[in-house]
């Protein structure tokens, strides 16, 4: 068979042994009949029945990691452990300037840039909100 003889609309796809229906290619009346629906939507009874039969129409979601989990995950690199040991040694030798620098690098490496950007954005929004709140309070005091 030549590729130009192939009619893509006549190919039947199956998934798990069931025919996959190309809903977008079906006439509207056929879709209503196959789904037992109406142009106005489903009745309350149909909705309740389908919820019992199929459940909610939602995708499974994964719980996003917490900020602490993200922070701790960054310590998976051996370089982080070397810097941590170097920072502790610098503290024990009372070389505070180097210790502060090493721990600053560790903090910088342990939090992704997106987190820092988000934290600064939240802080700036909080400052703006506080300024607005103060202005409203000041205006109320004048009235």
C-alpha atoms as a PDB file:
ATOM      1  CA  UNK A   1       0.000   0.000   0.000  1.00  0.00           C
ATOM      2  CA  UNK A   2       1.283   3.421  -0.918  1.00  0.00           C
ATOM      3  CA  UNK A   3       1.205   6.274   1.633  1.00  0.00           C
ATOM      4  CA  UNK A   4      -1.065   8.383  -0.583  1.00  0.00           C
ATOM      5  CA  UNK A   5      -3.641   5.540  -0.619  1.00  0.00           C
ATOM      6  CA  UNK A   6      -3.861   5.623   3.172  1.00  0.00           C
ATOM      7  CA  UNK A   7      -7.002   7.328   4.500  1.00  0.00           C
ATOM      8  CA  UNK A   8      -6.094   8.537   7.982  1.00  0.00           C
ATOM      9  CA  UNK A   9      -9.790   8.932   8.920  1.00  0.00           C
ATOM     10  CA  UNK A  10     -10.461   5.212   8.432  1.00  0.00           C
ATOM     11  CA  UNK A  11      -7.726   3.974  10.762  1.00  0.00           C
ATOM     12  CA  UNK A  12      -9.057   2.514  14.009  1.00  0.00           C
ATOM     13  CA  UNK A  13      -6.914   2.952  17.074  1.00  0.00           C
ATOM     14  CA  UNK A  14      -7.302   0.719  20.089  1.00  0.00           C
ATOM     15  CA  UNK A  15      -6.281   1.238  23.666  1.00  0.00           C
ATOM     16  CA  UNK A  16      -6.462  -1.652  26.091  1.00  0.00           C
ATOM     17  CA  UNK A  17      -8.477  -3.677  23.570  1.00  0.00           C
ATOM     18  CA  UNK A  18     -11.128  -0.945  23.202  1.00  0.00           C
ATOM     19  CA  UNK A  19     -11.652   1.112  20.066  1.00  0.00           C
ATOM     20  CA  UNK A  20     -10.600   4.726  20.517  1.00  0.00           C
ATOM     21  CA  UNK A  21     -13.303   7.065  19.257  1.00  0.00           C
ATOM     22  CA  UNK A  22     -12.254  10.215  17.451  1.00  0.00           C
ATOM     23  CA  UNK A  23     -14.858  12.427  19.123  1.00  0.00           C
ATOM     24  CA  UNK A  24     -13.724  15.510  17.239  1.00  0.00           C
ATOM     25  CA  UNK A  25     -14.445  13.820  13.897  1.00  0.00           C
ATOM     26  CA  UNK A  26     -17.928  12.532  14.804  1.00  0.00           C
ATOM     27  CA  UNK A  27     -21.107  14.445  13.925  1.00  0.00           C
ATOM     28  CA  UNK A  28     -22.650  16.178  16.925  1.00  0.00           C
ATOM     29  CA  UNK A  29     -25.784  14.004  16.887  1.00  0.00           C
ATOM     30  CA  UNK A  30     -23.633  10.857  17.025  1.00  0.00           C
ATOM     31  CA  UNK A  31     -21.672  12.213  19.984  1.00  0.00           C
ATOM     32  CA  UNK A  32     -24.915  13.011  21.871  1.00  0.00           C
ATOM     33  CA  UNK A  33     -26.262   9.529  21.138  1.00  0.00           C
ATOM     34  CA  UNK A  34     -23.060   7.705  22.159  1.00  0.00           C
ATOM     35  CA  UNK A  35     -22.680   9.737  25.359  1.00  0.00           C
ATOM     36  CA  UNK A  36     -26.419   9.753  26.076  1.00  0.00           C
ATOM     37  CA  UNK A  37     -26.310  13.523  26.416  1.00  0.00           C
ATOM     38  CA  UNK A  38     -28.347  16.510  25.323  1.00  0.00           C
ATOM     39  CA  UNK A  39     -27.370  19.897  23.880  1.00  0.00           C
ATOM     40  CA  UNK A  40     -28.588  21.524  27.125  1.00  0.00           C
ATOM     41  CA  UNK A  41     -26.331  19.327  29.223  1.00  0.00           C
ATOM     42  CA  UNK A  42     -27.002  16.497  31.645  1.00  0.00           C
ATOM     43  CA  UNK A  43     -29.822  16.319  34.155  1.00  0.00           C
ATOM     44  CA  UNK A  44     -29.029  16.244  37.877  1.00  0.00           C
ATOM     45  CA  UNK A  45     -29.813  12.512  37.966  1.00  0.00           C
ATOM     46  CA  UNK A  46     -27.459  11.807  35.042  1.00  0.00           C
ATOM     47  CA  UNK A  47     -24.710  13.824  36.711  1.00  0.00           C
ATOM     48  CA  UNK A  48     -25.122  11.928  39.989  1.00  0.00           C
ATOM     49  CA  UNK A  49     -25.204   8.573  38.173  1.00  0.00           C
ATOM     50  CA  UNK A  50     -22.062   9.336  36.165  1.00  0.00           C
ATOM     51  CA  UNK A  51     -20.243  10.581  39.253  1.00  0.00           C
ATOM     52  CA  UNK A  52     -21.037   7.266  40.959  1.00  0.00           C
ATOM     53  CA  UNK A  53     -20.023   5.246  37.904  1.00  0.00           C
ATOM     54  CA  UNK A  54     -16.931   7.117  36.707  1.00  0.00           C
ATOM     55  CA  UNK A  55     -15.941   9.413  39.577  1.00  0.00           C
ATOM     56  CA  UNK A  56     -14.813  13.007  39.245  1.00  0.00           C
ATOM     57  CA  UNK A  57     -13.214  14.126  35.991  1.00  0.00           C
ATOM     58  CA  UNK A  58      -9.854  15.092  37.440  1.00  0.00           C
ATOM     59  CA  UNK A  59      -6.258  14.284  36.677  1.00  0.00           C
ATOM     60  CA  UNK A  60      -4.149  12.751  39.425  1.00  0.00           C
ATOM     61  CA  UNK A  61      -1.899  15.332  41.016  1.00  0.00           C
ATOM     62  CA  UNK A  62       1.290  14.955  42.935  1.00  0.00           C
ATOM     63  CA  UNK A  63       1.836  16.934  46.113  1.00  0.00           C
ATOM     64  CA  UNK A  64       4.471  19.612  45.383  1.00  0.00           C
ATOM     65  CA  UNK A  65       7.591  19.452  47.544  1.00  0.00           C
ATOM     66  CA  UNK A  66       7.767  21.770  50.515  1.00  0.00           C
ATOM     67  CA  UNK A  67      10.385  24.496  50.717  1.00  0.00           C
ATOM     68  CA  UNK A  68      12.210  22.433  53.347  1.00  0.00           C
ATOM     69  CA  UNK A  69      12.281  19.397  51.034  1.00  0.00           C
ATOM     70  CA  UNK A  70      13.639  21.517  48.188  1.00  0.00           C
ATOM     71  CA  UNK A  71      16.247  22.977  50.543  1.00  0.00           C
ATOM     72  CA  UNK A  72      17.351  19.565  51.834  1.00  0.00           C
ATOM     73  CA  UNK A  73      17.420  18.073  48.325  1.00  0.00           C
ATOM     74  CA  UNK A  74      20.075  20.591  47.350  1.00  0.00           C
ATOM     75  CA  UNK A  75      22.455  18.951  49.842  1.00  0.00           C
ATOM     76  CA  UNK A  76      22.716  15.824  47.681  1.00  0.00           C
ATOM     77  CA  UNK A  77      25.910  17.124  46.063  1.00  0.00           C
ATOM     78  CA  UNK A  78      29.289  16.125  47.595  1.00  0.00           C
ATOM     79  CA  UNK A  79      30.547  19.664  46.936  1.00  0.00           C
ATOM     80  CA  UNK A  80      27.970  20.972  49.412  1.00  0.00           C
ATOM     81  CA  UNK A  81      29.354  18.627  52.100  1.00  0.00           C
ATOM     82  CA  UNK A  82      32.905  19.813  51.424  1.00  0.00           C
ATOM     83  CA  UNK A  83      31.800  23.444  51.772  1.00  0.00           C
ATOM     84  CA  UNK A  84      29.885  22.620  54.948  1.00  0.00           C
ATOM     85  CA  UNK A  85      32.969  21.003  56.504  1.00  0.00           C
ATOM     86  CA  UNK A  86      35.113  23.954  55.376  1.00  0.00           C
ATOM     87  CA  UNK A  87      32.638  26.373  56.999  1.00  0.00           C
ATOM     88  CA  UNK A  88      32.690  24.444  60.283  1.00  0.00           C
ATOM     89  CA  UNK A  89      36.504  24.306  60.241  1.00  0.00           C
ATOM     90  CA  UNK A  90      36.619  28.058  59.584  1.00  0.00           C
ATOM     91  CA  UNK A  91      34.322  28.613  62.579  1.00  0.00           C
ATOM     92  CA  UNK A  92      36.450  26.383  64.792  1.00  0.00           C
ATOM     93  CA  UNK A  93      39.557  28.317  63.727  1.00  0.00           C
ATOM     94  CA  UNK A  94      37.659  31.536  64.533  1.00  0.00           C
ATOM     95  CA  UNK A  95      38.053  32.747  60.962  1.00  0.00           C
ATOM     96  CA  UNK A  96      34.602  34.294  60.936  1.00  0.00           C
ATOM     97  CA  UNK A  97      35.006  36.233  57.703  1.00  0.00           C
ATOM     98  CA  UNK A  98      35.728  33.048  55.732  1.00  0.00           C
ATOM     99  CA  UNK A  99      33.013  31.137  57.606  1.00  0.00           C
ATOM    100  CA  UNK A 100      30.390  33.757  56.743  1.00  0.00           C
ATOM    101  CA  UNK A 101      31.502  33.721  53.109  1.00  0.00           C
ATOM    102  CA  UNK A 102      31.388  29.901  52.913  1.00  0.00           C
ATOM    103  CA  UNK A 103      27.953  29.725  54.528  1.00  0.00           C
ATOM    104  CA  UNK A 104      26.711  32.475  52.216  1.00  0.00           C
ATOM    105  CA  UNK A 105      27.855  30.401  49.236  1.00  0.00           C
ATOM    106  CA  UNK A 106      26.174  27.354  50.772  1.00  0.00           C
ATOM    107  CA  UNK A 107      22.921  29.241  51.204  1.00  0.00           C
ATOM    108  CA  UNK A 108      23.175  30.553  47.666  1.00  0.00           C
ATOM    109  CA  UNK A 109      23.778  27.052  46.303  1.00  0.00           C
ATOM    110  CA  UNK A 110      21.154  25.362  48.428  1.00  0.00           C
ATOM    111  CA  UNK A 111      18.167  27.424  47.284  1.00  0.00           C
ATOM    112  CA  UNK A 112      17.315  27.546  43.592  1.00  0.00           C
ATOM    113  CA  UNK A 113      17.237  30.961  41.960  1.00  0.00           C
ATOM    114  CA  UNK A 114      13.516  30.629  41.329  1.00  0.00           C
ATOM    115  CA  UNK A 115      12.961  30.372  45.068  1.00  0.00           C
ATOM    116  CA  UNK A 116      15.037  33.481  45.762  1.00  0.00           C
ATOM    117  CA  UNK A 117      13.202  35.408  43.057  1.00  0.00           C
ATOM    118  CA  UNK A 118       9.852  34.280  44.468  1.00  0.00           C
ATOM    119  CA  UNK A 119      10.897  35.254  48.001  1.00  0.00           C
ATOM    120  CA  UNK A 120      12.020  38.715  46.892  1.00  0.00           C
ATOM    121  CA  UNK A 121       8.826  39.159  44.844  1.00  0.00           C
ATOM    122  CA  UNK A 122       6.707  38.207  47.847  1.00  0.00           C
ATOM    123  CA  UNK A 123       8.675  40.553  50.065  1.00  0.00           C
ATOM    124  CA  UNK A 124       8.235  43.458  47.650  1.00  0.00           C
ATOM    125  CA  UNK A 125       4.505  42.730  47.325  1.00  0.00           C
ATOM    126  CA  UNK A 126       4.237  42.642  51.118  1.00  0.00           C
ATOM    127  CA  UNK A 127       5.971  46.019  51.307  1.00  0.00           C
ATOM    128  CA  UNK A 128       3.572  47.526  48.777  1.00  0.00           C
ATOM    129  CA  UNK A 129       0.576  46.078  50.614  1.00  0.00           C
ATOM    130  CA  UNK A 130       1.877  47.492  53.909  1.00  0.00           C
ATOM    131  CA  UNK A 131       2.348  50.921  52.343  1.00  0.00           C
ATOM    132  CA  UNK A 132      -1.208  50.831  50.997  1.00  0.00           C
ATOM    133  CA  UNK A 133      -2.500  49.714  54.391  1.00  0.00           C
ATOM    134  CA  UNK A 134      -0.622  52.538  56.145  1.00  0.00           C
ATOM    135  CA  UNK A 135      -1.966  55.080  53.659  1.00  0.00           C
ATOM    136  CA  UNK A 136      -5.528  53.862  54.211  1.00  0.00           C
ATOM    137  CA  UNK A 137      -5.096  54.004  57.980  1.00  0.00           C
ATOM    138  CA  UNK A 138      -3.622  57.500  57.777  1.00  0.00           C
ATOM    139  CA  UNK A 139      -6.482  58.646  55.560  1.00  0.00           C
ATOM    140  CA  UNK A 140      -9.059  57.188  57.976  1.00  0.00           C
ATOM    141  CA  UNK A 141      -7.393  59.008  60.856  1.00  0.00           C
ATOM    142  CA  UNK A 142      -7.730  62.323  58.989  1.00  0.00           C
ATOM    143  CA  UNK A 143     -11.456  61.854  58.333  1.00  0.00           C
END
